[in-house]
Each structure stands twice: as structure tokens, then as C-alpha cells.
Protein backbone atom coordinates (compact mmCIF):
# COMPACT_ATOMS: atom_id res chain seq x y z
CA MET A 1 -10.34 6.37 0.54
CA ALA A 2 -7.13 8.28 1.15
CA ILE A 3 -6.90 9.77 -2.50
CA GLN A 4 -10.50 11.19 -2.29
CA HIS A 5 -9.51 13.05 0.76
CA ALA A 6 -6.22 14.14 -0.67
CA VAL A 7 -8.21 15.71 -3.52
CA LEU A 8 -10.40 17.51 -0.91
CA ALA A 9 -7.24 18.75 0.68
CA LEU A 10 -6.02 20.23 -2.67
CA LEU A 11 -9.36 21.73 -3.32
CA ALA A 12 -9.43 23.39 0.11
CA ARG A 13 -6.67 25.62 -1.27
CA GLY A 14 -9.08 26.87 -3.94
CA PRO A 15 -10.91 25.74 -7.07
CA SER A 16 -9.18 23.62 -9.72
CA TYR A 17 -9.65 21.38 -12.64
CA GLY A 18 -8.70 17.77 -13.40
CA TYR A 19 -5.25 18.09 -14.93
CA GLU A 20 -4.32 20.83 -12.50
CA LEU A 21 -5.37 18.59 -9.72
CA LYS A 22 -3.48 15.68 -11.13
CA GLY A 23 -0.09 17.81 -11.35
CA ALA A 24 -0.69 19.30 -7.96
CA PHE A 25 -1.16 15.73 -6.36
CA GLU A 26 1.98 14.24 -8.01
CA THR A 27 4.03 17.12 -7.09
CA ALA A 28 2.86 16.84 -3.48
CA VAL A 29 3.41 13.14 -3.06
CA GLY A 30 6.54 12.79 -5.14
CA PRO A 31 7.70 9.92 -7.44
CA GLN A 32 7.50 7.06 -5.09
CA TRP A 33 3.66 7.11 -4.88
CA GLY A 34 3.54 6.89 -8.75
CA PRO A 35 1.30 8.86 -11.30
CA LEU A 36 -2.32 9.55 -10.65
CA ASN A 37 -4.32 8.05 -13.55
CA ILE A 38 -6.61 11.00 -14.94
CA GLY A 39 -9.52 8.69 -15.48
CA HIS A 40 -9.44 7.42 -11.98
CA LEU A 41 -9.19 11.15 -10.80
CA TYR A 42 -12.38 12.14 -12.76
CA GLN A 43 -14.22 9.02 -11.17
CA ILE A 44 -13.18 10.35 -7.75
CA LEU A 45 -14.45 13.94 -8.67
CA ASP A 46 -17.75 12.57 -9.87
CA ARG A 47 -18.19 10.60 -6.66
CA LEU A 48 -17.36 13.76 -4.56
CA SER A 49 -19.83 15.73 -6.70
CA ARG A 50 -22.66 13.03 -6.08
CA ASP A 51 -21.80 13.11 -2.43
CA GLY A 52 -22.10 16.94 -2.27
CA LEU A 53 -18.52 17.24 -1.14
CA VAL A 54 -17.47 19.31 -4.20
CA VAL A 55 -19.48 21.36 -6.84
CA ALA A 56 -18.37 21.40 -10.48
CA GLU A 57 -18.81 24.39 -12.89
CA ARG A 58 -18.22 24.52 -16.64
CA HIS A 59 -15.93 27.23 -17.97
CA PRO A 60 -16.28 27.81 -21.61
CA GLN A 61 -13.09 27.93 -23.63
CA ALA A 62 -12.61 29.64 -27.16
CA VAL A 63 -11.10 26.57 -28.78
CA LYS A 64 -10.76 23.83 -26.35
CA PRO A 65 -13.74 21.89 -24.81
CA ASP A 66 -15.29 23.47 -21.81
CA ARG A 67 -13.07 23.10 -18.71
CA VAL A 68 -14.87 21.89 -15.57
CA VAL A 69 -13.71 23.46 -12.40
CA TYR A 70 -14.35 21.90 -9.13
CA GLU A 71 -14.80 23.69 -5.69
CA ILE A 72 -14.93 22.10 -2.23
CA THR A 73 -18.31 22.71 -0.42
CA ALA A 74 -18.87 23.13 3.25
CA ASP A 75 -19.76 19.38 3.64
CA GLY A 76 -16.66 18.79 1.83
CA ARG A 77 -14.44 20.72 4.40
CA SER A 78 -16.30 19.08 7.26
CA GLU A 79 -15.49 15.52 5.68
CA LEU A 80 -11.75 16.53 5.30
CA ASP A 81 -11.64 17.76 8.90
CA ARG A 82 -13.17 14.58 10.01
CA TRP A 83 -10.55 12.33 8.11
CA LEU A 84 -7.57 14.54 9.31
CA ALA A 85 -8.84 13.98 12.92
CA GLU A 86 -8.88 10.09 12.79
CA PRO A 87 -5.91 7.74 13.05
CA SER A 88 -5.14 5.63 10.02
CA PRO A 89 -5.15 1.92 10.52
CA ARG A 90 -3.25 -0.29 8.16
CA SER A 91 -5.61 -0.72 5.08
CA GLY A 92 -4.63 -4.29 4.64
CA GLY A 93 -4.38 -5.28 8.25
CA PHE A 94 -1.50 -7.68 8.61
CA ARG A 95 -2.19 -10.05 5.86
CA ASP A 96 1.00 -10.28 3.93
CA ASP A 97 2.01 -12.26 0.81
CA PHE A 98 5.73 -12.64 1.90
CA PHE A 99 4.60 -14.01 5.40
CA LEU A 100 2.51 -16.61 3.53
CA LYS A 101 5.59 -17.52 1.36
CA VAL A 102 7.68 -17.86 4.44
CA THR A 103 5.09 -20.17 5.97
CA ALA A 104 4.91 -22.28 2.97
CA ALA A 105 8.72 -22.57 2.66
CA ALA A 106 8.99 -23.48 6.27
CA ARG A 107 6.32 -26.28 6.04
CA SER A 108 8.41 -27.82 3.29
CA GLY A 109 10.90 -28.64 5.84
CA ALA A 110 13.82 -27.83 3.38
CA PRO A 111 16.30 -25.40 4.62
CA GLU A 112 17.49 -24.51 0.98
CA THR A 113 13.91 -23.50 0.19
CA VAL A 114 13.73 -21.32 3.26
CA ARG A 115 17.16 -19.63 2.39
CA ALA A 116 16.19 -19.06 -1.21
CA VAL A 117 12.80 -17.42 -0.27
CA LEU A 118 14.67 -15.25 2.34
CA GLY A 119 17.47 -14.46 0.33
CA ASN A 120 15.42 -13.41 -2.70
CA GLN A 121 13.34 -11.10 -0.54
CA ARG A 122 16.57 -9.66 1.23
CA GLY A 123 17.96 -8.78 -2.25
CA HIS A 124 14.71 -7.21 -3.37
CA LEU A 125 14.52 -5.05 -0.20
CA MET A 126 18.14 -3.92 -0.43
CA ARG A 127 17.45 -2.81 -4.02
CA GLU A 128 14.54 -1.03 -2.86
CA LEU A 129 16.46 0.83 -0.19
CA ARG A 130 19.01 2.11 -2.80
CA ASN A 131 16.30 3.25 -4.92
CA LEU A 132 14.58 5.16 -2.04
CA ASP A 133 17.95 6.64 -1.02
CA GLY A 134 18.37 7.95 -4.55
CA LEU A 135 14.97 9.30 -4.73
CA ARG A 136 15.34 10.97 -1.31
CA ARG A 137 18.76 12.75 -2.34
CA ARG A 138 16.97 14.13 -5.34
CA ALA A 139 13.89 15.27 -3.52
CA ASP A 140 13.42 19.16 -2.89
CA ALA A 141 10.02 19.14 -1.13
CA PRO A 142 9.97 18.47 2.54
CA VAL A 143 6.91 16.44 2.44
CA VAL A 144 8.16 14.34 -0.33
CA ARG A 145 11.25 13.64 1.68
CA LEU A 146 9.03 12.56 4.62
CA LEU A 147 7.10 10.21 2.38
CA LEU A 148 10.33 8.60 1.16
CA SER A 149 11.73 8.54 4.81
CA ALA A 150 8.41 6.55 5.79
CA ALA A 151 8.97 4.28 2.91
CA THR A 152 12.48 3.45 3.97
CA ARG A 153 11.51 2.78 7.40
CA HIS A 154 8.89 0.29 6.25
CA VAL A 155 11.45 -1.55 4.09
CA GLU A 156 13.92 -1.66 7.13
CA ALA A 157 11.18 -3.11 9.09
CA ASP A 158 10.71 -5.79 6.33
CA LEU A 159 14.40 -6.54 6.44
CA ALA A 160 14.28 -6.98 10.08
CA PHE A 161 11.49 -9.48 9.69
CA VAL A 162 13.67 -11.47 7.31
CA ASP A 163 16.50 -11.56 9.89
CA ASP A 164 13.84 -12.77 12.48
CA ALA A 165 12.68 -15.51 10.24
CA GLU A 166 16.18 -16.61 9.42
CA ALA A 167 16.95 -16.74 13.13
CA ALA A 168 13.76 -18.65 14.04
CA LEU A 169 13.80 -21.12 11.21
CA LEU A 170 17.54 -21.79 10.28
CA ALA A 171 19.50 -21.10 13.49
CA ASP A 172 19.03 -24.67 15.15
CA GLY A 173 20.35 -26.74 11.98
CA GLY A 174 16.87 -27.52 10.60
CA ALA A 175 15.25 -28.83 13.80
CA THR A 176 12.50 -26.28 13.76
CA LEU A 177 11.79 -26.95 10.08
CA ALA A 178 11.60 -30.73 10.70
CA THR A 179 8.98 -30.16 13.29
CA LEU A 180 6.92 -27.81 11.09
CA ALA A 181 7.21 -30.30 8.12
CA GLY A 182 6.00 -33.07 10.45
CA GLN A 183 2.87 -31.13 11.72
CA PRO A 184 -0.40 -32.46 10.34
CA SER A 185 -3.06 -30.19 8.70
CA THR A 186 -5.81 -29.44 11.09
CA GLY A 187 -8.43 -28.32 8.60
CA GLY A 188 -9.11 -25.44 11.03
CA THR A 189 -10.72 -27.81 13.64
CA GLY A 190 -7.80 -28.43 15.89
CA ARG A 191 -7.77 -32.12 14.58
CA PRO A 192 -6.05 -33.75 11.61
CA ALA A 193 -8.15 -33.12 8.44
CA ASP A 194 -10.03 -36.24 7.08
CA PRO A 195 -8.92 -36.50 3.39
CA GLY A 196 -12.18 -38.27 2.72
CA SER A 197 -14.27 -35.24 3.80
CA ALA A 198 -12.12 -33.00 1.53
CA ARG A 199 -13.13 -35.17 -1.37
CA ALA A 200 -16.66 -35.24 -0.37
CA ALA A 201 -16.72 -31.52 -0.10
CA GLY A 202 -15.37 -31.19 -3.72
């Protein structure tokens, strides 16, 4: 879990408490990541404590409730080093909601449906690019600018896929869509699905 290891990285700089860690995390990653829920952070810290990766110590305060300060352990440092040494695969693989939407639109055989799906997505991505550009112009921290640059490259890649889909599905005047719309469902067997078997399974 990336956030768990990010918390370990923050604690590797020295002991800290919950709200201080929340602020340090949000400052480090910038606004594009979004705020870190304090309840979720405490769940992470509890899990790290149970796993022996951090230790917690209560510090009494005169008026406010005791402050719980967390410190990374030797096992925590080893786990952080292990995580940093590994490559990071895509967490969701290549399962993508928009790809399924393009597939559904293509199967409809209607060019206007495909154009609408692609046009809506292109508009959304262009707005996202403008938003990222504004955030990057205001960002001061180099690491935050790197995160925004990475986000921009992802959006640009998504825009390139929209262009690829448009060329593949619409450039031949609808012939490809007509072919796709005419393909029977195979039911995952390589043969046309038997409607009766689907009713029996239900």
C-alpha cells in the first residue's frame, strides 16, 4: 500500500504525530493527490504498530488529550528499503472503464454514439490538462511539480488513445463499426452463445 510506505518515509525523518504527519504528507504530494483523511491515517498507523513497523508513545499534555507520537522501528526501515527497491506495477492492471465504454459504443454500430463517447472523453481530458497546467504553474516544491508532470503525461496518453480509437473506428466511414455490430456474442467459448443456456443459468 503506497500510503503506508509514504508514512514510513515521513517517519524515517524523525518521530511525529497524526496531524503533523497529515500535514507533511499533503505538503509533500501537493493538491493533485487530494487531502489525506485523518481517520484513514490513524488506521494506517495502527496497522503499522501491529506489524511492528512503528512504535507509539503517549505524551501527556496539560489541557488537550495525550498526544500519540509515532517512531519508525528497525523493521519499519527494512520494509521501507524493500519497497523503495521494488518496481511499481500498475495497481489496477489495464482494466479501464473508458475502454469498456468505447467497446460498448463500438458494438452499437452507431457512429454518432462512438463520436459522442470519444468527444465527451476528449473534452474531459482537455479540461483536466488545463487544470494540471494551472496547478503546475502555482507549485513551488520540485516533487509536487514532478507529480503534476506525471499526471499530465498520463492525461496526454489518454488523449492519444482517444485519437487512436477515433482513427480505428470512424476513419473508414463506419465499415468497422458495422462489422463489430454484426459479430455474435461467443459467451466466452469461441461459439455463439445459446440463449436457452443463459435462461437456464438464470
